[in-house]
Amino acid sequence: MRALIQRVSRASVAVDGEVIGKTGPGLLILVCAMQGDAEAQADHLAAKIARLRIFNDEAGKMNRSVLDIGGSALVVSQFTLAADTSRGNRPGFSAAAAPAEGERLYEYFAAKLAEQGVPVATGRFGADMAVELVNDGPVTIWMES
């Protein structure tokens, strides 16, 4: 699985103009299941992200996790993280998991992150979504399991 993690002051996702998920201080996580991924990759990614120390402590050093600050997460599916731009100018997405498997692993990942103790809101898999965020820092981290 691939994830793009952004430390945010706030973030929201809307479908057809209606906000369906939002978070206050915490994380916006764009996630993509890749071909060959299984629950083990989602488990690893959820545990790692829940404990990722990218929030400032009292000394201003990135030393606290989303759990430490009592933050939450907005998890949004994003198959374009599988983009292959090595040939030409049109990205290919064949490395992404098939839609049914991608949706299953996306939902599984969000549930596993919640099991870690992080309050989780989600987007809608396969929908045309409008994502708004205020990136805090900015801090943006790419992860792959």
C-alpha atoms as a PDB file:
ATOM      1  CA  MET A   1       0.000   0.000   0.000  1.00  0.00           C
ATOM      2  CA  ARG A   2       1.025   3.547  -0.618  1.00  0.00           C
ATOM      3  CA  ALA A   3       0.090   6.512   1.505  1.00  0.00           C
ATOM      4  CA  LEU A   4       0.684  10.225   1.403  1.00  0.00           C
ATOM      5  CA  ILE A   5       0.383  11.586   4.938  1.00  0.00           C
ATOM      6  CA  GLN A   6      -0.162  15.276   5.564  1.00  0.00           C
ATOM      7  CA  ARG A   7      -0.131  16.907   8.978  1.00  0.00           C
ATOM      8  CA  VAL A   8      -3.153  19.200   8.966  1.00  0.00           C
ATOM      9  CA  SER A   9      -4.840  21.811  11.094  1.00  0.00           C
ATOM     10  CA  ARG A  10      -8.072  20.701   9.449  1.00  0.00           C
ATOM     11  CA  ALA A  11      -9.236  18.801   6.381  1.00  0.00           C
ATOM     12  CA  SER A  12     -12.525  17.793   4.816  1.00  0.00           C
ATOM     13  CA  VAL A  13     -13.820  15.778   1.896  1.00  0.00           C
ATOM     14  CA  ALA A  14     -17.053  16.468   0.028  1.00  0.00           C
ATOM     15  CA  VAL A  15     -19.051  14.556  -2.573  1.00  0.00           C
ATOM     16  CA  ASP A  16     -21.579  16.489  -4.657  1.00  0.00           C
ATOM     17  CA  GLY A  17     -21.064  19.531  -2.417  1.00  0.00           C
ATOM     18  CA  GLU A  18     -21.845  17.640   0.807  1.00  0.00           C
ATOM     19  CA  VAL A  19     -19.084  17.193   3.394  1.00  0.00           C
ATOM     20  CA  ILE A  20     -18.906  13.477   4.184  1.00  0.00           C
ATOM     21  CA  GLY A  21     -15.757  13.423   6.319  1.00  0.00           C
ATOM     22  CA  LYS A  22     -13.570  15.860   8.200  1.00  0.00           C
ATOM     23  CA  THR A  23     -10.828  16.113  10.759  1.00  0.00           C
ATOM     24  CA  GLY A  24      -9.504  18.796  13.045  1.00  0.00           C
ATOM     25  CA  PRO A  25      -5.836  18.777  14.022  1.00  0.00           C
ATOM     26  CA  GLY A  26      -4.368  15.504  12.836  1.00  0.00           C
ATOM     27  CA  LEU A  27      -3.716  13.748   9.567  1.00  0.00           C
ATOM     28  CA  LEU A  28      -5.036  13.653   6.037  1.00  0.00           C
ATOM     29  CA  ILE A  29      -4.064  10.264   4.638  1.00  0.00           C
ATOM     30  CA  LEU A  30      -4.359   9.596   0.923  1.00  0.00           C
ATOM     31  CA  VAL A  31      -4.097   5.834   0.450  1.00  0.00           C
ATOM     32  CA  CYS A  32      -3.836   3.434  -2.484  1.00  0.00           C
ATOM     33  CA  ALA A  33      -3.847  -0.357  -2.483  1.00  0.00           C
ATOM     34  CA  MET A  34      -1.405  -1.809  -4.986  1.00  0.00           C
ATOM     35  CA  GLN A  35      -1.578  -5.104  -6.872  1.00  0.00           C
ATOM     36  CA  GLY A  36      -0.477  -7.901  -4.566  1.00  0.00           C
ATOM     37  CA  ASP A  37      -1.291  -6.008  -1.362  1.00  0.00           C
ATOM     38  CA  ALA A  38      -3.090  -7.842   1.432  1.00  0.00           C
ATOM     39  CA  GLU A  39      -4.168  -7.214   5.007  1.00  0.00           C
ATOM     40  CA  ALA A  40      -0.565  -7.477   6.236  1.00  0.00           C
ATOM     41  CA  GLN A  41       0.414  -4.329   4.331  1.00  0.00           C
ATOM     42  CA  ALA A  42      -2.604  -2.440   5.668  1.00  0.00           C
ATOM     43  CA  ASP A  43      -1.887  -3.612   9.235  1.00  0.00           C
ATOM     44  CA  HIS A  44       1.724  -2.451   9.011  1.00  0.00           C
ATOM     45  CA  LEU A  45       0.830   0.911   7.486  1.00  0.00           C
ATOM     46  CA  ALA A  46      -1.920   1.638  10.037  1.00  0.00           C
ATOM     47  CA  ALA A  47       0.347   0.827  12.992  1.00  0.00           C
ATOM     48  CA  LYS A  48       3.214   2.882  11.574  1.00  0.00           C
ATOM     49  CA  ILE A  49       1.080   5.932  10.796  1.00  0.00           C
ATOM     50  CA  ALA A  50      -0.637   5.906  14.211  1.00  0.00           C
ATOM     51  CA  ARG A  51       2.779   6.144  15.876  1.00  0.00           C
ATOM     52  CA  LEU A  52       4.537   8.376  13.336  1.00  0.00           C
ATOM     53  CA  ARG A  53       6.115  11.198  15.330  1.00  0.00           C
ATOM     54  CA  ILE A  54       5.478  14.245  13.152  1.00  0.00           C
ATOM     55  CA  PHE A  55       3.778  16.590  15.620  1.00  0.00           C
ATOM     56  CA  ASN A  56       5.712  19.107  17.663  1.00  0.00           C
ATOM     57  CA  ASP A  57       6.420  18.620  21.344  1.00  0.00           C
ATOM     58  CA  GLU A  58       6.786  21.459  23.864  1.00  0.00           C
ATOM     59  CA  ALA A  59      10.289  22.207  22.539  1.00  0.00           C
ATOM     60  CA  GLY A  60       9.068  22.484  18.954  1.00  0.00           C
ATOM     61  CA  LYS A  61      10.687  19.190  17.918  1.00  0.00           C
ATOM     62  CA  MET A  62       8.690  16.675  15.849  1.00  0.00           C
ATOM     63  CA  ASN A  63       8.402  14.087  18.577  1.00  0.00           C
ATOM     64  CA  ARG A  64       4.684  13.350  19.039  1.00  0.00           C
ATOM     65  CA  SER A  65       2.261  11.107  17.177  1.00  0.00           C
ATOM     66  CA  VAL A  66      -1.360  11.708  16.257  1.00  0.00           C
ATOM     67  CA  LEU A  67      -2.203   9.492  19.237  1.00  0.00           C
ATOM     68  CA  ASP A  68      -0.037  11.627  21.538  1.00  0.00           C
ATOM     69  CA  ILE A  69      -1.810  14.844  20.552  1.00  0.00           C
ATOM     70  CA  GLY A  70      -5.314  13.342  20.651  1.00  0.00           C
ATOM     71  CA  GLY A  71      -5.724  14.068  16.947  1.00  0.00           C
ATOM     72  CA  SER A  72      -7.794  12.350  14.297  1.00  0.00           C
ATOM     73  CA  ALA A  73      -7.425  11.266  10.685  1.00  0.00           C
ATOM     74  CA  LEU A  74      -9.266  11.727   7.422  1.00  0.00           C
ATOM     75  CA  VAL A  75      -8.567   8.738   5.143  1.00  0.00           C
ATOM     76  CA  VAL A  76      -9.230   9.242   1.429  1.00  0.00           C
ATOM     77  CA  SER A  77      -8.776   6.652  -1.310  1.00  0.00           C
ATOM     78  CA  GLN A  78      -6.490   7.841  -4.098  1.00  0.00           C
ATOM     79  CA  PHE A  79      -5.683   5.351  -6.836  1.00  0.00           C
ATOM     80  CA  THR A  80      -3.524   7.964  -8.571  1.00  0.00           C
ATOM     81  CA  LEU A  81      -0.787   7.251  -6.011  1.00  0.00           C
ATOM     82  CA  ALA A  82      -0.128   4.202  -8.208  1.00  0.00           C
ATOM     83  CA  ALA A  83       0.762   6.439 -11.158  1.00  0.00           C
ATOM     84  CA  ASP A  84       3.576   5.267 -13.410  1.00  0.00           C
ATOM     85  CA  THR A  85       5.018   8.216 -15.316  1.00  0.00           C
ATOM     86  CA  SER A  86       8.045   6.421 -16.749  1.00  0.00           C
ATOM     87  CA  ARG A  87       6.624   6.183 -20.280  1.00  0.00           C
ATOM     88  CA  GLY A  88       5.360   9.303 -21.954  1.00  0.00           C
ATOM     89  CA  ASN A  89       3.263  12.057 -20.485  1.00  0.00           C
ATOM     90  CA  ARG A  90       0.116  10.122 -19.647  1.00  0.00           C
ATOM     91  CA  PRO A  91       0.380   8.281 -16.322  1.00  0.00           C
ATOM     92  CA  GLY A  92      -0.582   4.633 -16.139  1.00  0.00           C
ATOM     93  CA  PHE A  93      -2.365   3.142 -13.159  1.00  0.00           C
ATOM     94  CA  SER A  94      -2.092  -0.586 -13.846  1.00  0.00           C
ATOM     95  CA  ALA A  95      -0.088  -1.133 -10.637  1.00  0.00           C
ATOM     96  CA  ALA A  96      -3.133  -0.207  -8.524  1.00  0.00           C
ATOM     97  CA  ALA A  97      -5.218  -3.017  -7.092  1.00  0.00           C
ATOM     98  CA  ALA A  98      -8.403  -3.880  -8.948  1.00  0.00           C
ATOM     99  CA  PRO A  99     -11.296  -1.660  -7.798  1.00  0.00           C
ATOM    100  CA  ALA A 100     -13.078  -4.270  -5.643  1.00  0.00           C
ATOM    101  CA  GLU A 101      -9.834  -5.257  -3.900  1.00  0.00           C
ATOM    102  CA  GLY A 102      -8.750  -1.626  -3.610  1.00  0.00           C
ATOM    103  CA  GLU A 103     -12.012  -0.713  -1.895  1.00  0.00           C
ATOM    104  CA  ARG A 104     -11.799  -3.689   0.466  1.00  0.00           C
ATOM    105  CA  LEU A 105      -8.235  -2.831   1.507  1.00  0.00           C
ATOM    106  CA  TYR A 106      -9.033   0.884   1.812  1.00  0.00           C
ATOM    107  CA  GLU A 107     -11.880   0.133   4.207  1.00  0.00           C
ATOM    108  CA  TYR A 108      -9.758  -2.433   6.038  1.00  0.00           C
ATOM    109  CA  PHE A 109      -6.926   0.120   6.446  1.00  0.00           C
ATOM    110  CA  ALA A 110      -9.311   2.766   7.844  1.00  0.00           C
ATOM    111  CA  ALA A 111     -10.722   0.232  10.324  1.00  0.00           C
ATOM    112  CA  LYS A 112      -7.230  -0.859  11.412  1.00  0.00           C
ATOM    113  CA  LEU A 113      -6.172   2.753  11.958  1.00  0.00           C
ATOM    114  CA  ALA A 114      -9.267   3.240  14.125  1.00  0.00           C
ATOM    115  CA  GLU A 115      -8.349   0.085  16.068  1.00  0.00           C
ATOM    116  CA  GLN A 116      -5.011   1.760  16.860  1.00  0.00           C
ATOM    117  CA  GLY A 117      -7.007   4.414  18.729  1.00  0.00           C
ATOM    118  CA  VAL A 118      -7.112   7.130  16.063  1.00  0.00           C
ATOM    119  CA  PRO A 119     -10.581   8.592  15.377  1.00  0.00           C
ATOM    120  CA  VAL A 120     -11.092   8.113  11.623  1.00  0.00           C
ATOM    121  CA  ALA A 121     -13.336   9.775   9.051  1.00  0.00           C
ATOM    122  CA  THR A 122     -13.301   8.665   5.427  1.00  0.00           C
ATOM    123  CA  GLY A 123     -14.095   9.719   1.920  1.00  0.00           C
ATOM    124  CA  ARG A 124     -16.133   7.579  -0.482  1.00  0.00           C
ATOM    125  CA  PHE A 125     -14.233   5.040  -2.548  1.00  0.00           C
ATOM    126  CA  GLY A 126     -14.508   5.665  -6.282  1.00  0.00           C
ATOM    127  CA  ALA A 127     -16.384   8.950  -5.913  1.00  0.00           C
ATOM    128  CA  ASP A 128     -15.374  12.267  -7.416  1.00  0.00           C
ATOM    129  CA  MET A 129     -14.308  13.981  -4.197  1.00  0.00           C
ATOM    130  CA  ALA A 130     -13.319  17.538  -3.322  1.00  0.00           C
ATOM    131  CA  VAL A 131     -10.650  17.528  -0.621  1.00  0.00           C
ATOM    132  CA  GLU A 132      -9.806  20.690   1.307  1.00  0.00           C
ATOM    133  CA  LEU A 133      -6.978  20.945   3.785  1.00  0.00           C
ATOM    134  CA  VAL A 134      -4.795  23.291   5.724  1.00  0.00           C
ATOM    135  CA  ASN A 135      -1.371  21.633   5.699  1.00  0.00           C
ATOM    136  CA  ASP A 136       0.350  22.308   9.019  1.00  0.00           C
ATOM    137  CA  GLY A 137       4.065  22.972   8.653  1.00  0.00           C
ATOM    138  CA  PRO A 138       3.809  21.960   5.867  1.00  0.00           C
ATOM    139  CA  VAL A 139       4.569  18.362   6.734  1.00  0.00           C
ATOM    140  CA  THR A 140       3.954  15.795   3.986  1.00  0.00           C
ATOM    141  CA  ILE A 141       5.358  12.265   4.124  1.00  0.00           C
ATOM    142  CA  TRP A 142       5.274   9.457   1.550  1.00  0.00           C
ATOM    143  CA  MET A 143       5.046   5.884   2.850  1.00  0.00           C
ATOM    144  CA  GLU A 144       4.919   2.500   1.198  1.00  0.00           C
ATOM    145  CA  SER A 145       4.476  -0.885   2.857  1.00  0.00           C
END
